[in-house]
Every structure is written in structure tokens, then in C-alpha cells.
N, C-alpha and C. Protein backbone atom coordinates (compact mmCIF):
# COMPACT_ATOMS: atom_id res chain seq x y z
N MET A 1 11.20 17.43 1.27
CA MET A 1 11.36 18.77 2.35
C MET A 1 12.14 18.18 3.43
N ARG A 2 12.80 18.40 4.39
CA ARG A 2 12.96 17.85 5.61
C ARG A 2 13.21 18.72 6.60
N VAL A 3 13.24 17.87 8.30
CA VAL A 3 13.19 18.52 9.24
C VAL A 3 14.39 18.29 10.21
N LYS A 4 14.84 19.13 11.04
CA LYS A 4 16.24 19.55 11.03
C LYS A 4 15.75 19.40 12.83
N VAL A 5 16.52 19.40 14.09
CA VAL A 5 16.49 20.19 15.40
C VAL A 5 17.70 20.52 15.05
N ILE A 6 18.04 21.76 15.72
CA ILE A 6 18.84 23.07 15.64
C ILE A 6 20.04 21.81 17.13
N ASN A 7 21.12 21.52 17.05
CA ASN A 7 21.76 21.64 18.47
C ASN A 7 22.36 22.55 19.22
N SER A 8 22.87 23.12 18.31
CA SER A 8 23.38 24.11 18.93
C SER A 8 22.52 25.86 18.14
N ARG A 9 23.19 26.23 18.65
CA ARG A 9 22.83 27.30 18.56
C ARG A 9 23.26 28.20 16.79
N ALA A 10 22.72 28.42 16.22
CA ALA A 10 23.18 28.77 14.49
C ALA A 10 21.90 30.00 13.79
N ASP A 11 22.14 30.65 12.88
CA ASP A 11 21.68 31.27 12.24
C ASP A 11 21.25 30.71 10.69
N LEU A 12 20.70 31.73 10.46
CA LEU A 12 19.52 31.36 8.61
C LEU A 12 20.73 31.53 7.85
N GLU A 13 22.43 31.63 8.01
CA GLU A 13 23.36 31.61 6.81
C GLU A 13 23.40 30.43 7.05
N ALA A 14 23.84 29.61 8.34
CA ALA A 14 24.79 28.84 8.55
C ALA A 14 23.84 27.77 8.11
N LEU A 15 22.61 27.74 7.89
CA LEU A 15 22.08 26.55 7.48
C LEU A 15 21.44 26.63 6.19
N GLY A 16 21.70 27.72 5.51
CA GLY A 16 22.03 28.21 4.18
C GLY A 16 23.09 26.87 4.08
N SER A 17 24.06 27.86 4.31
CA SER A 17 25.18 27.35 3.84
C SER A 17 25.34 25.17 3.59
N ALA A 18 24.13 24.57 4.25
CA ALA A 18 24.06 23.52 3.58
C ALA A 18 24.25 22.88 2.15
N ALA A 19 23.49 23.70 1.85
CA ALA A 19 22.88 23.75 0.02
C ALA A 19 24.07 24.34 -0.91
N GLY A 20 25.44 24.48 -0.53
CA GLY A 20 26.79 24.98 -0.47
C GLY A 20 26.32 26.59 -1.30
N GLN A 21 28.29 27.09 -1.70
CA GLN A 21 28.25 28.60 -1.81
C GLN A 21 27.24 29.23 -2.80
N GLU A 22 26.80 28.29 -3.58
CA GLU A 22 26.05 29.39 -5.32
C GLU A 22 24.72 28.70 -4.36
N GLN A 23 24.18 28.39 -4.12
CA GLN A 23 22.50 27.59 -3.84
C GLN A 23 22.25 28.37 -2.55
N ALA A 24 23.12 28.88 -2.30
CA ALA A 24 23.21 29.74 -0.59
C ALA A 24 21.80 30.51 -0.40
N PRO A 25 21.70 31.27 -0.99
CA PRO A 25 20.95 32.52 -1.31
C PRO A 25 19.61 31.64 -1.89
N LYS A 26 18.95 30.84 -2.39
CA LYS A 26 18.15 30.83 -2.79
C LYS A 26 17.68 28.97 -1.63
N HIS A 27 18.43 28.73 -1.00
CA HIS A 27 18.08 28.24 -0.10
C HIS A 27 17.57 28.47 0.95
N ILE A 28 18.70 29.66 1.65
CA ILE A 28 17.58 30.38 2.35
C ILE A 28 16.34 31.15 2.56
N GLU A 29 16.35 31.43 1.34
CA GLU A 29 14.90 31.97 0.81
C GLU A 29 13.91 30.84 0.87
N GLN A 30 14.34 30.20 0.39
CA GLN A 30 13.23 28.68 0.56
C GLN A 30 12.60 28.54 2.62
N ILE A 31 13.98 28.59 3.19
CA ILE A 31 13.78 27.81 4.74
C ILE A 31 12.73 29.20 5.71
N GLN A 32 12.87 30.57 5.07
CA GLN A 32 12.60 31.34 5.57
C GLN A 32 10.75 31.52 4.86
N GLN A 33 10.52 30.36 3.68
CA GLN A 33 9.59 30.46 3.81
C GLN A 33 9.02 29.78 3.97
N LEU A 34 9.39 27.99 5.00
CA LEU A 34 8.64 26.94 5.44
C LEU A 34 8.59 27.15 6.54
N ASN A 35 9.80 28.67 7.53
CA ASN A 35 9.16 28.49 8.78
C ASN A 35 9.20 30.17 8.67
N PRO A 36 8.33 30.51 8.44
CA PRO A 36 7.77 32.23 8.62
C PRO A 36 8.15 32.11 9.85
N HIS A 37 7.79 31.18 11.19
CA HIS A 37 7.31 31.71 12.74
C HIS A 37 8.55 31.39 13.58
N LEU A 38 9.81 31.42 12.47
CA LEU A 38 11.68 31.50 13.32
C LEU A 38 12.07 32.76 12.87
N ASP A 39 12.78 33.04 14.37
CA ASP A 39 13.29 34.22 14.77
C ASP A 39 15.02 33.67 13.88
N VAL A 40 15.25 34.60 12.50
CA VAL A 40 16.78 33.45 11.69
C VAL A 40 17.90 34.62 11.98
N LYS A 41 17.34 35.85 12.73
CA LYS A 41 19.03 36.05 13.63
C LYS A 41 19.04 35.30 15.04
N ASN A 42 18.25 34.80 15.31
CA ASN A 42 19.13 33.57 16.48
C ASN A 42 18.48 32.05 16.28
N ILE A 43 18.81 31.25 15.91
CA ILE A 43 17.44 30.03 16.11
C ILE A 43 18.19 28.87 17.34
N LYS A 44 17.70 29.30 18.30
CA LYS A 44 17.77 28.28 20.15
C LYS A 44 17.95 26.30 19.14
N LYS A 45 18.74 26.10 19.94
CA LYS A 45 18.71 25.12 20.45
C LYS A 45 18.16 24.06 20.24
N GLY A 46 17.67 22.92 19.90
CA GLY A 46 16.01 22.49 20.30
C GLY A 46 15.22 22.32 19.58
N THR A 47 15.54 23.70 18.46
CA THR A 47 14.31 24.70 17.86
C THR A 47 14.17 23.36 17.02
N VAL A 48 12.86 22.79 16.23
CA VAL A 48 12.16 22.13 14.90
C VAL A 48 12.67 23.36 13.75
N VAL A 49 13.20 22.94 12.24
CA VAL A 49 12.92 23.49 11.14
C VAL A 49 12.97 23.10 10.11
N LEU A 50 12.09 23.49 9.47
CA LEU A 50 12.03 22.40 8.13
C LEU A 50 13.12 23.04 6.71
N VAL A 51 13.64 21.89 5.98
CA VAL A 51 14.16 22.45 4.99
C VAL A 51 14.68 22.44 3.68
N PRO A 52 14.43 22.58 2.95
CA PRO A 52 14.12 22.42 1.68
C PRO A 52 15.48 20.68 1.83
N ASP A 53 15.20 19.93 0.94
CA ASP A 53 16.34 19.24 0.26
C ASP A 53 17.27 20.07 -0.70
N ALA A 54 19.02 19.81 0.10
CA ALA A 54 19.74 20.30 -0.44
C ALA A 54 20.15 18.98 -1.59
N PRO A 55 21.60 19.26 -2.36
CA PRO A 55 22.45 18.41 -2.77
C PRO A 55 23.39 18.42 -2.07
N GLY A 56 23.94 17.13 -1.76
CA GLY A 56 24.90 17.70 -0.66
C GLY A 56 24.63 17.45 0.72
N GLU A 57 23.73 17.44 1.12
CA GLU A 57 23.68 17.61 2.94
C GLU A 57 23.16 16.02 2.93
N ARG A 58 23.74 15.76 4.36
CA ARG A 58 24.22 14.08 4.56
C ARG A 58 23.04 14.23 5.53
N ASP A 59 21.55 12.51 5.31
CA ASP A 59 20.98 12.70 6.08
C ASP A 59 21.37 12.06 6.88
N THR A 60 22.08 12.40 8.14
CA THR A 60 22.03 12.13 9.45
C THR A 60 21.85 13.52 9.86
N GLU A 61 21.83 14.76 8.77
CA GLU A 61 22.04 15.93 10.20
C GLU A 61 20.40 16.33 9.67
N THR A 62 19.43 15.44 8.94
CA THR A 62 17.90 15.91 8.88
C THR A 62 17.83 14.63 8.81
N ARG A 63 16.26 14.55 9.21
CA ARG A 63 15.48 13.70 8.65
C ARG A 63 14.28 13.75 7.16
N SER A 64 13.92 13.02 6.51
CA SER A 64 12.39 13.56 5.26
C SER A 64 11.74 13.59 6.93
N VAL A 65 10.20 14.38 6.33
CA VAL A 65 9.54 15.15 6.36
C VAL A 65 8.02 14.01 7.32
N GLN A 66 7.98 13.43 6.46
CA GLN A 66 7.55 12.25 6.14
C GLN A 66 7.82 11.19 6.74
N GLY A 67 9.18 10.99 7.32
CA GLY A 67 9.89 9.50 8.11
C GLY A 67 9.33 8.03 7.32
N ASP A 68 8.56 7.19 8.33
CA ASP A 68 8.77 5.79 7.57
C ASP A 68 7.54 6.04 7.76
N ALA A 69 6.64 6.47 6.97
CA ALA A 69 5.01 6.83 7.19
C ALA A 69 4.49 5.72 6.15
N PHE A 70 5.50 6.21 5.15
CA PHE A 70 5.10 5.85 3.91
C PHE A 70 6.15 4.16 3.54
N ALA A 71 6.95 3.47 3.78
CA ALA A 71 7.27 2.13 3.72
C ALA A 71 6.00 1.67 5.33
N ASP A 72 5.41 2.25 6.48
CA ASP A 72 5.17 1.71 7.73
C ASP A 72 3.42 1.50 7.05
N LEU A 73 3.01 2.29 5.95
CA LEU A 73 1.14 2.57 5.20
C LEU A 73 1.65 1.23 4.68
N ARG A 74 2.99 1.26 3.16
CA ARG A 74 3.16 -0.26 2.82
C ARG A 74 2.72 -1.63 3.23
N SER A 75 3.97 -1.34 4.28
CA SER A 75 3.64 -3.29 4.55
C SER A 75 2.78 -3.04 5.37
N GLN A 76 1.66 -1.85 5.30
CA GLN A 76 0.21 -2.54 6.48
C GLN A 76 -0.25 -2.90 5.12
N VAL A 77 -0.43 -1.91 4.65
CA VAL A 77 -1.44 -2.90 3.42
C VAL A 77 -0.91 -3.75 2.07
N ASP A 78 0.45 -4.10 2.33
CA ASP A 78 0.82 -4.85 1.69
C ASP A 78 0.20 -6.11 2.19
N THR A 79 0.50 -6.72 3.68
CA THR A 79 -0.30 -6.94 4.39
C THR A 79 -1.58 -7.80 4.62
N ALA A 80 -2.67 -6.63 4.71
CA ALA A 80 -3.59 -6.63 4.81
C ALA A 80 -4.05 -7.73 3.15
N LEU A 81 -3.64 -6.95 2.48
CA LEU A 81 -3.99 -7.08 1.36
C LEU A 81 -3.60 -8.85 1.11
N GLU A 82 -2.68 -9.18 1.06
CA GLU A 82 -1.77 -10.54 1.10
C GLU A 82 -2.71 -11.78 1.60
N ALA A 83 -3.44 -10.88 3.49
CA ALA A 83 -4.28 -11.66 3.91
C ALA A 83 -5.44 -11.36 3.63
N SER A 84 -5.57 -11.06 2.84
CA SER A 84 -7.52 -11.43 1.64
C SER A 84 -6.93 -12.00 0.78
N ARG A 85 -5.98 -12.16 0.04
CA ARG A 85 -5.78 -13.45 -1.60
C ARG A 85 -5.32 -14.60 -0.27
N ALA A 86 -4.94 -14.20 0.40
CA ALA A 86 -5.59 -16.12 1.40
C ALA A 86 -6.69 -16.31 2.03
N ARG A 87 -7.48 -15.54 2.36
CA ARG A 87 -8.16 -16.34 2.08
C ARG A 87 -9.49 -16.26 1.41
N VAL A 88 -9.42 -15.30 0.17
CA VAL A 88 -10.21 -16.23 -0.84
C VAL A 88 -9.59 -17.24 -1.45
N ARG A 89 -7.69 -17.51 -1.37
CA ARG A 89 -7.40 -18.91 -1.82
C ARG A 89 -7.69 -19.66 -0.88
N ARG A 90 -8.33 -19.54 0.06
CA ARG A 90 -8.89 -21.02 1.03
C ARG A 90 -10.17 -20.96 0.71
N GLY A 91 -10.73 -20.41 0.76
CA GLY A 91 -12.17 -20.37 0.82
C GLY A 91 -12.69 -21.07 -0.51
N TYR A 92 -12.06 -20.54 -1.57
CA TYR A 92 -11.89 -21.39 -3.27
C TYR A 92 -11.51 -22.22 -3.44
N GLY A 93 -10.68 -22.89 -2.10
CA GLY A 93 -10.11 -24.48 -1.58
C GLY A 93 -11.12 -25.14 -1.37
N ALA A 94 -11.85 -24.70 0.21
CA ALA A 94 -13.00 -25.10 0.25
C ALA A 94 -13.86 -25.87 -0.30
N LEU A 95 -14.35 -24.41 -1.46
CA LEU A 95 -15.09 -24.58 -2.23
C LEU A 95 -14.44 -25.40 -3.66
N ASN A 96 -13.88 -25.57 -4.69
CA ASN A 96 -12.79 -26.52 -4.92
C ASN A 96 -13.70 -28.03 -4.29
N ASP A 97 -12.97 -28.21 -3.26
CA ASP A 97 -12.92 -29.85 -2.26
C ASP A 97 -14.42 -29.97 -2.81
N SER A 98 -15.25 -29.35 -1.96
CA SER A 98 -17.25 -29.38 -2.10
C SER A 98 -17.74 -29.93 -3.06
N ALA A 99 -17.18 -28.32 -4.53
CA ALA A 99 -17.32 -29.44 -5.39
C ALA A 99 -16.91 -30.96 -6.21
N LYS A 100 -15.33 -30.89 -6.00
CA LYS A 100 -15.14 -32.38 -5.69
C LYS A 100 -16.01 -33.54 -5.55
N GLU A 101 -16.08 -33.18 -4.29
CA GLU A 101 -17.22 -34.92 -3.26
C GLU A 101 -18.63 -34.71 -4.35
N VAL A 102 -19.10 -33.59 -4.97
CA VAL A 102 -20.01 -33.82 -4.44
C VAL A 102 -20.47 -34.22 -6.64
N THR A 103 -18.98 -33.76 -7.30
CA THR A 103 -19.18 -34.33 -8.43
C THR A 103 -18.53 -35.81 -8.22
N ALA A 104 -18.34 -36.33 -7.84
CA ALA A 104 -17.82 -37.63 -7.74
C ALA A 104 -19.45 -38.51 -7.01
N VAL A 105 -19.60 -37.86 -6.54
CA VAL A 105 -21.11 -38.87 -6.12
C VAL A 105 -21.81 -38.81 -7.18
N LEU A 106 -22.17 -37.51 -8.22
CA LEU A 106 -22.75 -37.20 -9.40
C LEU A 106 -22.30 -37.94 -9.93
N LYS A 107 -21.65 -38.80 -10.21
CA LYS A 107 -21.24 -40.08 -11.03
C LYS A 107 -21.29 -41.02 -10.39
N SER A 108 -21.48 -41.07 -9.54
CA SER A 108 -21.71 -42.76 -9.17
C SER A 108 -23.00 -43.24 -10.00
N ALA A 109 -22.39 -45.04 -10.17
CA ALA A 109 -23.90 -45.20 -11.07
C ALA A 109 -25.57 -45.30 -10.22
N ALA A 110 -25.56 -45.23 -8.37
CA ALA A 110 -26.49 -45.06 -8.76
C ALA A 110 -27.30 -43.28 -8.64
N VAL A 111 -26.89 -42.75 -8.61
CA VAL A 111 -27.09 -41.20 -8.18
C VAL A 111 -27.00 -41.01 -9.68
N LYS A 112 -26.48 -41.64 -11.11
CA LYS A 112 -27.13 -41.49 -12.28
C LYS A 112 -27.89 -42.17 -12.79
N ARG A 113 -28.95 -43.04 -11.75
CA ARG A 113 -29.99 -43.60 -12.87
C ARG A 113 -30.74 -42.39 -11.82
N ALA A 114 -30.22 -42.40 -10.86
CA ALA A 114 -31.80 -41.36 -9.92
C ALA A 114 -31.49 -40.09 -10.65
N LEU A 115 -30.32 -39.31 -11.13
CA LEU A 115 -30.87 -38.58 -11.88
C LEU A 115 -31.51 -38.37 -13.55
N GLU A 116 -31.06 -39.68 -14.28
CA GLU A 116 -32.24 -40.37 -15.02
C GLU A 116 -33.45 -40.25 -14.99
N ALA A 117 -33.45 -40.90 -13.63
CA ALA A 117 -35.46 -41.16 -13.34
C ALA A 117 -36.04 -40.09 -13.07
N GLN A 118 -34.98 -39.04 -12.12
CA GLN A 118 -36.28 -37.78 -12.04
C GLN A 118 -35.83 -36.30 -12.68
N PRO A 119 -36.39 -35.84 -14.17
CA PRO A 119 -35.63 -35.07 -14.27
C PRO A 119 -35.27 -33.25 -13.51
N ASP A 120 -36.29 -33.98 -12.75
CA ASP A 120 -36.58 -32.21 -11.32
C ASP A 120 -34.73 -32.62 -10.63
N LEU A 121 -34.91 -33.99 -10.07
CA LEU A 121 -33.55 -33.85 -9.55
C LEU A 121 -31.76 -33.54 -10.56
N LYS A 122 -32.13 -34.33 -11.74
CA LYS A 122 -31.05 -34.08 -13.25
C LYS A 122 -31.25 -32.11 -13.12
N GLU A 123 -32.10 -31.45 -12.94
CA GLU A 123 -32.00 -30.35 -13.31
C GLU A 123 -31.05 -29.47 -12.07
N GLN A 124 -31.18 -30.11 -11.32
CA GLN A 124 -30.93 -29.39 -9.25
C GLN A 124 -29.19 -29.38 -9.04
N ALA A 125 -28.92 -31.15 -9.92
CA ALA A 125 -27.45 -31.19 -9.41
C ALA A 125 -27.10 -30.95 -11.23
N GLU A 126 -27.25 -29.99 -12.24
CA GLU A 126 -26.57 -29.34 -12.88
C GLU A 126 -26.77 -27.72 -12.68
N ALA A 127 -27.50 -27.41 -11.96
CA ALA A 127 -27.44 -25.85 -11.35
C ALA A 127 -26.60 -25.99 -10.36
N ALA A 128 -26.38 -27.13 -9.55
CA ALA A 128 -25.18 -26.80 -8.50
C ALA A 128 -23.55 -27.23 -8.91
N THR A 129 -23.77 -27.65 -10.09
CA THR A 129 -22.51 -27.29 -10.99
C THR A 129 -22.02 -26.20 -11.39
N ARG A 130 -23.54 -25.75 -11.60
CA ARG A 130 -23.41 -24.31 -12.60
C ARG A 130 -22.64 -23.15 -11.70
N VAL A 131 -23.42 -23.61 -10.30
CA VAL A 131 -22.60 -22.94 -8.69
C VAL A 131 -21.02 -22.75 -8.58
N PHE A 132 -20.67 -23.93 -8.96
CA PHE A 132 -19.52 -24.10 -8.12
C PHE A 132 -18.71 -23.72 -9.59
N LYS A 133 -19.37 -23.85 -10.77
CA LYS A 133 -18.32 -23.26 -11.40
C LYS A 133 -18.48 -21.57 -11.67
N GLN A 134 -19.36 -20.84 -11.26
CA GLN A 134 -19.28 -20.16 -11.01
C GLN A 134 -18.39 -19.40 -9.56
N ASP A 135 -18.40 -19.80 -8.37
CA ASP A 135 -17.99 -19.99 -7.42
C ASP A 135 -16.49 -19.82 -7.94
N ALA A 136 -16.07 -20.49 -8.89
CA ALA A 136 -14.62 -20.52 -8.91
C ALA A 136 -13.56 -19.20 -9.81
N ALA A 137 -15.28 -19.04 -11.04
CA ALA A 137 -14.84 -17.17 -11.59
C ALA A 137 -14.73 -16.02 -10.29
N ASP A 138 -15.67 -16.54 -9.59
CA ASP A 138 -15.74 -15.14 -8.52
C ASP A 138 -14.57 -15.21 -7.67
N ALA A 139 -13.87 -15.99 -7.60
CA ALA A 139 -12.85 -16.40 -6.81
C ALA A 139 -12.10 -15.80 -6.97
N LYS A 140 -11.52 -16.13 -8.45
CA LYS A 140 -10.62 -15.55 -9.26
C LYS A 140 -10.41 -14.30 -9.77
N ALA A 141 -12.34 -13.78 -10.15
CA ALA A 141 -11.90 -12.28 -10.47
C ALA A 141 -11.90 -11.20 -9.10
N ALA A 142 -11.90 -11.88 -7.82
CA ALA A 142 -11.86 -11.38 -5.73
C ALA A 142 -9.96 -11.35 -5.90
N GLU A 143 -9.84 -12.17 -6.63
CA GLU A 143 -8.23 -12.08 -6.69
C GLU A 143 -7.54 -11.09 -6.77
N GLN A 144 -8.06 -11.42 -8.16
CA GLN A 144 -7.71 -10.23 -9.20
C GLN A 144 -7.58 -8.44 -9.38
N THR A 145 -9.02 -8.22 -8.68
CA THR A 145 -9.61 -7.58 -7.73
C THR A 145 -8.05 -7.45 -6.02
N LEU A 146 -8.05 -7.72 -5.53
CA LEU A 146 -6.95 -7.48 -5.01
C LEU A 146 -5.36 -7.54 -5.64
N LYS A 147 -5.29 -7.88 -6.44
CA LYS A 147 -4.20 -7.71 -7.45
C LYS A 147 -3.97 -6.58 -7.99
N GLU A 148 -5.34 -5.86 -8.26
CA GLU A 148 -5.24 -4.44 -9.33
C GLU A 148 -5.58 -3.47 -7.64
N ILE A 149 -6.52 -3.60 -6.64
CA ILE A 149 -6.07 -2.91 -5.78
C ILE A 149 -4.60 -2.23 -4.84
N GLY A 150 -3.60 -3.57 -5.21
CA GLY A 150 -1.92 -3.50 -4.72
C GLY A 150 -1.44 -2.72 -5.40
N ASP A 151 -1.46 -3.20 -6.80
CA ASP A 151 -1.29 -2.41 -7.82
C ASP A 151 -1.45 -1.26 -7.93
N ARG A 152 -2.48 -0.69 -7.47
CA ARG A 152 -3.52 1.15 -7.94
C ARG A 152 -2.56 1.71 -6.84
N PHE A 153 -2.34 1.42 -5.75
CA PHE A 153 -2.09 1.63 -4.31
C PHE A 153 -0.65 2.03 -4.22
N GLU A 154 0.59 1.07 -4.74
CA GLU A 154 1.41 1.42 -5.10
C GLU A 154 1.35 2.64 -5.58
N GLN A 155 0.61 2.41 -6.72
CA GLN A 155 0.41 4.22 -7.36
C GLN A 155 0.73 5.49 -7.15
N GLU A 156 -0.69 4.99 -5.96
CA GLU A 156 -1.05 6.41 -5.84
C GLU A 156 0.14 6.77 -3.97
N LEU A 157 0.94 5.90 -4.17
CA LEU A 157 1.96 5.75 -3.03
C LEU A 157 2.60 6.79 -2.88
N GLU A 158 3.42 6.30 -4.46
CA GLU A 158 4.21 6.44 -4.67
C GLU A 158 4.65 8.01 -5.66
N ALA A 159 3.05 8.34 -6.33
CA ALA A 159 2.98 9.99 -6.65
C ALA A 159 2.54 10.81 -5.62
N LEU A 160 1.65 10.24 -4.16
CA LEU A 160 2.26 10.74 -3.06
C LEU A 160 3.45 11.39 -2.17
N ALA A 161 4.64 10.45 -2.38
CA ALA A 161 6.31 10.39 -2.75
C ALA A 161 6.46 11.44 -3.11
N LYS A 162 6.26 11.57 -4.33
CA LYS A 162 6.74 12.75 -5.14
C LYS A 162 6.45 14.09 -5.03
N LEU A 163 4.89 13.79 -4.91
CA LEU A 163 4.48 15.10 -4.35
C LEU A 163 5.01 15.86 -3.07
N LEU A 164 5.08 14.51 -1.81
CA LEU A 164 5.62 15.59 -0.68
C LEU A 164 6.77 15.35 -1.10
N GLY A 165 7.55 15.07 -2.09
CA GLY A 165 9.54 15.03 -2.03
C GLY A 165 10.36 13.91 -1.19
């Protein structure tokens, strides 16, 4: 479906002719259904008319009802999802840097001796290592979830675009 702004006095037959001679009656009927408020005998300049898509009609004569809404929405969601993915990557990077620092300290000779001498301390160090591994897995899962959200959004947007024509 498209929107046409009438630039000069017109009648329904003139609008219907955009579909060609063979399709004109069907096109006129569709225009009437889409515009029940329209005085079909006297369409005034400036009137906004909904018209069905017609093969061969030039895009300069009409514009899509949805306009650039889908492109704008797609752009906004893509930007938001990329920003979210970037935050996840930065957060994971910070966690990874911390894990490397802690691991380096835990591997030092002095800390190894302290860990061996105190079982509670060794258990805490092992728990910290497990937390770092879980954080890495969570970050990867979050990034995958964001990718799936983006993919699903694209599918839904395409289905909506087809529905609206």
C-alpha cells in the first residue's frame, strides 16, 4: 500500500489507470475500499489517498505508507544491540584482565607456599578461579543472546514488512 498526494484535480478513473487498462477496474475497487471517505467524482488537490501497489507505477508518484520507518527502526535496534555487545566485550575484557592479574599472583612462589600452608586460603583461591571461568562463560552467553535477539528482530521486521506490503 502506498500514499499518493493529489497534485491536481483528479477522479477515480485517473487514479485507477496507474494499474493499466486490464487491472484498472480492480485497482479502482481497491482504492475505494482503502478510502471510504473519498468523493470519487471530485478528488481535490492536496487530498491524501491510499492506493494499492500497482505494477508499473513510478515510485516518484507515491510513497510507501511505512515510509522509512522500518529502515529507521532497524538502524536504531542495530545501534543499540551493537552498543550492548560492545559493553559486554568491554566488561569481559576487564574481567579477563583481572583474572590474569589474580592468576599471575596465585602462581607466584610466595603465594603458592601460603596456599599450601592454609587449606582455607587455597579453597578461596580455587573459588575465585571458578568465578572467573563462570564470568567468561556468562559473557560469551550474553553476547550470543544479543546476537540471537538481533537475528530474531530481523525476522520479525521482515515478516511485518511483508504483512504491510
